[in-house]
Amino acid sequence: MASEVELEERRQRAAQMLLESGVVTPALDDDQAEVLLDWALAQAGGYALSSRDLGEDEAHSQISDGVARVRLLMGMVNDIVERWYDLDHVQLVERLTKLLSVAMDVRGRQ
């Protein structure tokens, strides 16, 4: 079982992975991007905390996979915002439904 210090280090590494891997919010204004980034950091931190009972290698793998899924969702949100005015109502619902499906799949893996 990881100590609190180790969990905090994992949380910091998860945040670093999220922040260092490039911008996924170019279509969002600063306030929108901040909301999405706050959510993403909380999710990445959750992956780190859920690795409490894992060894270092397993924890790194779980956190990396989780951060990748969070980045996928961030990209999907960015894509929806970027094309908001170009999408008809059916296309918008299709994209939102896909976003929800991916989000539910992510939830099921935690």
Protein backbone atom coordinates (compact mmCIF):
# COMPACT_ATOMS: atom_id res chain seq x y z
CA MET A 1 0.00 0.00 0.00
CA ALA A 2 1.35 3.41 -1.00
CA SER A 3 1.98 5.97 1.71
CA GLU A 4 0.36 9.39 1.67
CA VAL A 5 3.65 10.87 0.46
CA GLU A 6 3.82 8.36 -2.42
CA LEU A 7 0.19 9.05 -3.33
CA GLU A 8 0.89 12.78 -3.41
CA GLU A 9 3.89 12.15 -5.67
CA ARG A 10 1.67 10.05 -7.96
CA ARG A 11 -0.95 12.81 -8.00
CA GLN A 12 1.68 15.36 -8.94
CA ARG A 13 3.02 13.08 -11.70
CA ALA A 14 -0.52 12.60 -13.03
CA ALA A 15 -1.03 16.37 -13.13
CA GLN A 16 2.34 16.78 -14.82
CA MET A 17 1.42 14.15 -17.46
CA LEU A 18 -1.79 16.01 -18.16
CA LEU A 19 -0.17 19.43 -18.41
CA GLU A 20 2.98 18.44 -20.31
CA SER A 21 1.31 16.56 -23.12
CA GLY A 22 0.12 19.62 -25.01
CA VAL A 23 -2.93 21.82 -25.25
CA VAL A 24 -6.27 20.15 -25.95
CA THR A 25 -8.41 23.24 -25.51
CA PRO A 26 -7.58 25.65 -28.37
CA ALA A 27 -11.25 26.32 -29.17
CA LEU A 28 -12.08 27.30 -25.58
CA ASP A 29 -11.72 30.75 -24.10
CA ASP A 30 -9.69 31.12 -20.90
CA ASP A 31 -12.63 30.70 -18.51
CA GLN A 32 -13.93 27.63 -20.35
CA ALA A 33 -10.46 26.10 -20.53
CA GLU A 34 -9.96 26.70 -16.80
CA VAL A 35 -13.17 24.84 -15.95
CA LEU A 36 -12.20 21.90 -18.16
CA LEU A 37 -8.63 21.86 -16.85
CA ASP A 38 -9.82 21.91 -13.22
CA TRP A 39 -12.04 18.93 -13.97
CA ALA A 40 -9.21 17.12 -15.78
CA LEU A 41 -6.77 17.67 -12.92
CA ALA A 42 -9.33 16.33 -10.44
CA GLN A 43 -9.83 13.23 -12.60
CA ALA A 44 -6.07 12.68 -12.96
CA GLY A 45 -5.72 13.06 -9.20
CA GLY A 46 -8.46 10.48 -8.74
CA TYR A 47 -6.54 7.97 -10.85
CA ALA A 48 -3.48 8.60 -8.69
CA LEU A 49 -5.42 8.14 -5.45
CA SER A 50 -7.07 4.96 -6.72
CA SER A 51 -3.60 3.46 -7.20
CA ARG A 52 -3.09 3.21 -3.43
CA ASP A 53 -2.92 -0.61 -3.45
CA LEU A 54 -0.78 -0.91 -6.59
CA GLY A 55 2.95 -1.23 -7.00
CA GLU A 56 4.82 1.57 -8.73
CA ASP A 57 4.78 0.03 -12.22
CA GLU A 58 1.09 -0.88 -12.08
CA ALA A 59 0.26 2.54 -10.67
CA HIS A 60 2.16 4.31 -13.44
CA SER A 61 0.32 2.27 -16.07
CA GLN A 62 -3.09 2.94 -14.50
CA ILE A 63 -2.41 6.65 -14.15
CA SER A 64 -1.07 6.94 -17.71
CA ASP A 65 -4.12 5.16 -19.11
CA GLY A 66 -6.43 7.35 -17.04
CA VAL A 67 -4.74 10.57 -18.13
CA ALA A 68 -4.98 9.44 -21.76
CA ARG A 69 -8.74 8.88 -21.37
CA VAL A 70 -9.16 12.27 -19.69
CA ARG A 71 -7.28 13.92 -22.55
CA LEU A 72 -9.54 12.12 -25.03
CA LEU A 73 -12.60 13.57 -23.28
CA MET A 74 -11.02 17.02 -23.19
CA GLY A 75 -10.40 16.80 -26.93
CA MET A 76 -14.00 15.77 -27.53
CA VAL A 77 -15.27 18.75 -25.53
CA ASN A 78 -12.97 21.05 -27.48
CA ASP A 79 -14.21 19.57 -30.77
CA ILE A 80 -17.86 20.12 -29.81
CA VAL A 81 -17.21 23.73 -28.79
CA GLU A 82 -15.16 24.38 -31.92
CA ARG A 83 -17.92 23.13 -34.22
CA TRP A 84 -20.88 24.28 -32.13
CA TYR A 85 -22.29 26.62 -34.78
CA ASP A 86 -21.51 24.32 -37.71
CA LEU A 87 -23.37 21.31 -36.33
CA ASP A 88 -27.06 20.77 -36.83
CA HIS A 89 -29.07 19.55 -33.86
CA VAL A 90 -28.78 15.88 -34.81
CA GLN A 91 -25.00 16.10 -35.22
CA LEU A 92 -24.69 17.92 -31.92
CA VAL A 93 -26.71 15.26 -30.10
CA GLU A 94 -24.63 12.53 -31.79
CA ARG A 95 -21.39 14.13 -30.57
CA LEU A 96 -22.72 14.70 -27.09
CA THR A 97 -23.95 11.11 -26.96
CA LYS A 98 -20.53 9.85 -28.03
CA LEU A 99 -18.93 12.04 -25.37
CA LEU A 100 -21.25 10.58 -22.75
CA SER A 101 -20.53 7.03 -23.93
CA VAL A 102 -16.78 7.57 -23.64
CA ALA A 103 -17.25 9.22 -20.24
CA MET A 104 -19.32 6.28 -19.00
CA ASP A 105 -16.67 3.85 -20.26
CA VAL A 106 -14.04 5.83 -18.37
CA ARG A 107 -16.16 5.70 -15.23
CA GLY A 108 -16.58 1.95 -15.59
CA ARG A 109 -12.80 1.48 -15.67
CA GLN A 110 -12.10 3.38 -12.46
